């Protein structure tokens, strides 16, 4: 299984960061590429709730669609959702941990066994484009959570 793992220390308590993570409809506000998620069933941020999302997937899919379901919520600590497309299920995990006066946010993205061109492109693009985008994304989350 292919995995992306990045972390960022944010100078804010977990309860100031949590609303940005647990509300998938706000993720576009701290994404370096266009992204939107719309609640399709359930309660925003609750286990079992589903969303339809559209976002950018390198190298050129600017309107990539996913069906998303929240699978685990531990308030101010852990948020997990699965995104599904033609390649399978992608697991996205945000973990928050107190560090001094701030919070370390870790984002883990687990990929299914990719099909077609994705099988070749993922190992090439993930360390270059995927990691960079994820770090920029966490930097944008940091700015939001710190009120900048």
C-alpha atoms as a PDB file:
ATOM      1  CA  UNK A   1       0.000   0.000   0.000  1.00  0.00           C
ATOM      2  CA  UNK A   2       1.221   3.501  -0.833  1.00  0.00           C
ATOM      3  CA  UNK A   3       1.058   6.111   1.911  1.00  0.00           C
ATOM      4  CA  UNK A   4       1.621   9.845   2.289  1.00  0.00           C
ATOM      5  CA  UNK A   5       2.460  11.094   5.795  1.00  0.00           C
ATOM      6  CA  UNK A   6       3.091  14.752   6.718  1.00  0.00           C
ATOM      7  CA  UNK A   7       2.955  16.770   9.950  1.00  0.00           C
ATOM      8  CA  UNK A   8       2.765  20.428  10.956  1.00  0.00           C
ATOM      9  CA  UNK A   9       2.952  22.046  14.399  1.00  0.00           C
ATOM     10  CA  UNK A  10       0.285  24.710  14.759  1.00  0.00           C
ATOM     11  CA  UNK A  11       0.452  27.411  17.429  1.00  0.00           C
ATOM     12  CA  UNK A  12      -3.115  26.820  18.581  1.00  0.00           C
ATOM     13  CA  UNK A  13      -4.941  24.371  20.816  1.00  0.00           C
ATOM     14  CA  UNK A  14      -6.640  21.353  19.231  1.00  0.00           C
ATOM     15  CA  UNK A  15     -10.103  22.830  19.815  1.00  0.00           C
ATOM     16  CA  UNK A  16      -9.200  25.807  17.572  1.00  0.00           C
ATOM     17  CA  UNK A  17      -7.987  23.491  14.790  1.00  0.00           C
ATOM     18  CA  UNK A  18     -10.679  20.826  15.061  1.00  0.00           C
ATOM     19  CA  UNK A  19     -13.536  22.757  13.357  1.00  0.00           C
ATOM     20  CA  UNK A  20     -11.384  23.215  10.247  1.00  0.00           C
ATOM     21  CA  UNK A  21     -10.645  19.477  10.065  1.00  0.00           C
ATOM     22  CA  UNK A  22     -13.994  17.980  11.115  1.00  0.00           C
ATOM     23  CA  UNK A  23     -16.017  20.092   8.663  1.00  0.00           C
ATOM     24  CA  UNK A  24     -15.183  18.697   5.227  1.00  0.00           C
ATOM     25  CA  UNK A  25     -17.034  21.597   3.595  1.00  0.00           C
ATOM     26  CA  UNK A  26     -14.252  23.944   4.836  1.00  0.00           C
ATOM     27  CA  UNK A  27     -11.340  21.898   3.433  1.00  0.00           C
ATOM     28  CA  UNK A  28     -11.412  23.916   0.203  1.00  0.00           C
ATOM     29  CA  UNK A  29     -10.568  27.032   2.229  1.00  0.00           C
ATOM     30  CA  UNK A  30      -7.203  25.519   3.149  1.00  0.00           C
ATOM     31  CA  UNK A  31      -6.415  23.588   0.003  1.00  0.00           C
ATOM     32  CA  UNK A  32      -3.704  24.738  -2.430  1.00  0.00           C
ATOM     33  CA  UNK A  33      -5.822  23.434  -5.315  1.00  0.00           C
ATOM     34  CA  UNK A  34      -9.545  23.896  -5.968  1.00  0.00           C
ATOM     35  CA  UNK A  35     -11.606  21.573  -3.786  1.00  0.00           C
ATOM     36  CA  UNK A  36     -15.199  21.428  -2.658  1.00  0.00           C
ATOM     37  CA  UNK A  37     -17.212  18.957  -0.614  1.00  0.00           C
ATOM     38  CA  UNK A  38     -20.969  18.895  -0.244  1.00  0.00           C
ATOM     39  CA  UNK A  39     -22.829  17.014   2.479  1.00  0.00           C
ATOM     40  CA  UNK A  40     -25.113  14.423   0.869  1.00  0.00           C
ATOM     41  CA  UNK A  41     -26.415  12.619   3.980  1.00  0.00           C
ATOM     42  CA  UNK A  42     -26.120  12.717   7.751  1.00  0.00           C
ATOM     43  CA  UNK A  43     -24.790  15.456   9.983  1.00  0.00           C
ATOM     44  CA  UNK A  44     -21.709  17.469   9.045  1.00  0.00           C
ATOM     45  CA  UNK A  45     -18.649  15.996  10.801  1.00  0.00           C
ATOM     46  CA  UNK A  46     -20.396  12.889  12.178  1.00  0.00           C
ATOM     47  CA  UNK A  47     -19.512   9.232  11.633  1.00  0.00           C
ATOM     48  CA  UNK A  48     -21.538   7.780   8.762  1.00  0.00           C
ATOM     49  CA  UNK A  49     -22.126  11.145   7.085  1.00  0.00           C
ATOM     50  CA  UNK A  50     -21.468  11.193   3.353  1.00  0.00           C
ATOM     51  CA  UNK A  51     -20.242  13.861   0.977  1.00  0.00           C
ATOM     52  CA  UNK A  52     -19.654  14.331  -2.710  1.00  0.00           C
ATOM     53  CA  UNK A  53     -16.340  16.012  -3.470  1.00  0.00           C
ATOM     54  CA  UNK A  54     -14.676  17.518  -6.512  1.00  0.00           C
ATOM     55  CA  UNK A  55     -10.998  18.397  -6.564  1.00  0.00           C
ATOM     56  CA  UNK A  56      -7.708  18.351  -8.420  1.00  0.00           C
ATOM     57  CA  UNK A  57      -5.763  15.119  -8.844  1.00  0.00           C
ATOM     58  CA  UNK A  58      -2.328  15.388 -10.482  1.00  0.00           C
ATOM     59  CA  UNK A  59      -1.258  15.497 -13.150  1.00  0.00           C
ATOM     60  CA  UNK A  60      -4.288  16.962 -14.962  1.00  0.00           C
ATOM     61  CA  UNK A  61      -7.669  15.887 -13.521  1.00  0.00           C
ATOM     62  CA  UNK A  62      -9.084  19.189 -12.259  1.00  0.00           C
ATOM     63  CA  UNK A  63     -12.631  17.889 -11.704  1.00  0.00           C
ATOM     64  CA  UNK A  64     -11.992  14.586  -9.982  1.00  0.00           C
ATOM     65  CA  UNK A  65     -15.069  13.264  -8.172  1.00  0.00           C
ATOM     66  CA  UNK A  66     -15.110  11.194  -4.989  1.00  0.00           C
ATOM     67  CA  UNK A  67     -17.809   9.844  -2.741  1.00  0.00           C
ATOM     68  CA  UNK A  68     -16.732  10.355   0.852  1.00  0.00           C
ATOM     69  CA  UNK A  69     -17.807   8.839   4.175  1.00  0.00           C
ATOM     70  CA  UNK A  70     -16.640   9.799   7.657  1.00  0.00           C
ATOM     71  CA  UNK A  71     -15.581   6.610   9.448  1.00  0.00           C
ATOM     72  CA  UNK A  72     -14.064   7.733  12.767  1.00  0.00           C
ATOM     73  CA  UNK A  73     -14.349  10.836  14.931  1.00  0.00           C
ATOM     74  CA  UNK A  74     -12.544  11.372  18.221  1.00  0.00           C
ATOM     75  CA  UNK A  75     -13.159  15.090  18.901  1.00  0.00           C
ATOM     76  CA  UNK A  76     -10.003  17.227  19.003  1.00  0.00           C
ATOM     77  CA  UNK A  77      -7.897  14.105  18.432  1.00  0.00           C
ATOM     78  CA  UNK A  78      -8.635  11.992  15.325  1.00  0.00           C
ATOM     79  CA  UNK A  79     -10.727  12.356  12.168  1.00  0.00           C
ATOM     80  CA  UNK A  80     -10.877   9.634   9.502  1.00  0.00           C
ATOM     81  CA  UNK A  81     -12.756   9.508   6.235  1.00  0.00           C
ATOM     82  CA  UNK A  82     -12.761   7.252   3.196  1.00  0.00           C
ATOM     83  CA  UNK A  83     -12.943   8.652  -0.308  1.00  0.00           C
ATOM     84  CA  UNK A  84     -14.029   6.326  -3.099  1.00  0.00           C
ATOM     85  CA  UNK A  85     -13.477   6.585  -6.841  1.00  0.00           C
ATOM     86  CA  UNK A  86     -12.823   4.174  -9.714  1.00  0.00           C
ATOM     87  CA  UNK A  87      -9.462   3.193  -8.150  1.00  0.00           C
ATOM     88  CA  UNK A  88     -10.951   2.100  -4.833  1.00  0.00           C
ATOM     89  CA  UNK A  89     -11.009   3.459  -1.292  1.00  0.00           C
ATOM     90  CA  UNK A  90      -8.553   6.076  -0.074  1.00  0.00           C
ATOM     91  CA  UNK A  91      -8.232   6.510   3.693  1.00  0.00           C
ATOM     92  CA  UNK A  92      -7.551  10.013   5.007  1.00  0.00           C
ATOM     93  CA  UNK A  93      -6.572  10.397   8.668  1.00  0.00           C
ATOM     94  CA  UNK A  94      -5.952  13.579  10.624  1.00  0.00           C
ATOM     95  CA  UNK A  95      -4.419  13.124  14.076  1.00  0.00           C
ATOM     96  CA  UNK A  96      -3.984  15.979  16.561  1.00  0.00           C
ATOM     97  CA  UNK A  97      -1.521  15.791  19.461  1.00  0.00           C
ATOM     98  CA  UNK A  98      -0.662  18.471  22.043  1.00  0.00           C
ATOM     99  CA  UNK A  99       2.946  19.648  21.793  1.00  0.00           C
ATOM    100  CA  UNK A 100       3.939  22.367  24.259  1.00  0.00           C
ATOM    101  CA  UNK A 101       1.506  25.253  23.778  1.00  0.00           C
ATOM    102  CA  UNK A 102       0.545  24.089  20.295  1.00  0.00           C
ATOM    103  CA  UNK A 103      -0.752  21.065  18.425  1.00  0.00           C
ATOM    104  CA  UNK A 104       0.931  18.716  15.994  1.00  0.00           C
ATOM    105  CA  UNK A 105      -1.391  17.831  13.138  1.00  0.00           C
ATOM    106  CA  UNK A 106      -0.480  14.710  11.175  1.00  0.00           C
ATOM    107  CA  UNK A 107      -2.147  13.914   7.865  1.00  0.00           C
ATOM    108  CA  UNK A 108      -1.949  10.336   6.597  1.00  0.00           C
ATOM    109  CA  UNK A 109      -3.301   9.413   3.174  1.00  0.00           C
ATOM    110  CA  UNK A 110      -3.445   5.699   2.355  1.00  0.00           C
ATOM    111  CA  UNK A 111      -3.913   4.761  -1.283  1.00  0.00           C
ATOM    112  CA  UNK A 112      -5.487   1.587  -2.670  1.00  0.00           C
ATOM    113  CA  UNK A 113      -3.644  -0.482  -5.247  1.00  0.00           C
ATOM    114  CA  UNK A 114      -3.894   1.843  -8.223  1.00  0.00           C
ATOM    115  CA  UNK A 115      -5.057   0.850 -11.686  1.00  0.00           C
ATOM    116  CA  UNK A 116      -3.873   1.857 -15.138  1.00  0.00           C
ATOM    117  CA  UNK A 117      -1.689   4.955 -15.415  1.00  0.00           C
ATOM    118  CA  UNK A 118      -2.153   5.664 -11.701  1.00  0.00           C
ATOM    119  CA  UNK A 119      -0.117   2.569 -10.894  1.00  0.00           C
ATOM    120  CA  UNK A 120       2.864   4.090 -12.726  1.00  0.00           C
ATOM    121  CA  UNK A 121       2.318   7.776 -11.902  1.00  0.00           C
ATOM    122  CA  UNK A 122       1.590   7.542  -8.161  1.00  0.00           C
ATOM    123  CA  UNK A 123       5.078   6.408  -7.071  1.00  0.00           C
ATOM    124  CA  UNK A 124       6.616   9.116  -9.279  1.00  0.00           C
ATOM    125  CA  UNK A 125       4.337  12.033  -8.374  1.00  0.00           C
ATOM    126  CA  UNK A 126       3.585  11.371  -4.698  1.00  0.00           C
ATOM    127  CA  UNK A 127       7.052  12.229  -3.316  1.00  0.00           C
ATOM    128  CA  UNK A 128       7.302  15.329  -5.508  1.00  0.00           C
ATOM    129  CA  UNK A 129       3.826  16.794  -6.019  1.00  0.00           C
ATOM    130  CA  UNK A 130       1.713  14.981  -3.425  1.00  0.00           C
ATOM    131  CA  UNK A 131       3.970  15.632  -0.445  1.00  0.00           C
ATOM    132  CA  UNK A 132       4.515  19.264  -1.437  1.00  0.00           C
ATOM    133  CA  UNK A 133       0.762  19.864  -1.819  1.00  0.00           C
ATOM    134  CA  UNK A 134       0.054  18.178   1.529  1.00  0.00           C
ATOM    135  CA  UNK A 135       2.643  20.343   3.289  1.00  0.00           C
ATOM    136  CA  UNK A 136       1.243  23.498   1.669  1.00  0.00           C
ATOM    137  CA  UNK A 137      -2.230  22.374   2.698  1.00  0.00           C
ATOM    138  CA  UNK A 138      -1.182  21.941   6.344  1.00  0.00           C
ATOM    139  CA  UNK A 139       0.525  25.344   6.167  1.00  0.00           C
ATOM    140  CA  UNK A 140      -2.759  26.867   4.998  1.00  0.00           C
ATOM    141  CA  UNK A 141      -4.573  25.068   7.843  1.00  0.00           C
ATOM    142  CA  UNK A 142      -1.997  26.525  10.246  1.00  0.00           C
ATOM    143  CA  UNK A 143      -2.715  30.052   8.990  1.00  0.00           C
ATOM    144  CA  UNK A 144      -6.488  29.542   9.366  1.00  0.00           C
ATOM    145  CA  UNK A 145      -6.236  28.017  12.853  1.00  0.00           C
ATOM    146  CA  UNK A 146      -3.809  30.692  14.045  1.00  0.00           C
ATOM    147  CA  UNK A 147      -6.145  33.387  12.716  1.00  0.00           C
ATOM    148  CA  UNK A 148      -3.761  34.759  10.108  1.00  0.00           C
END
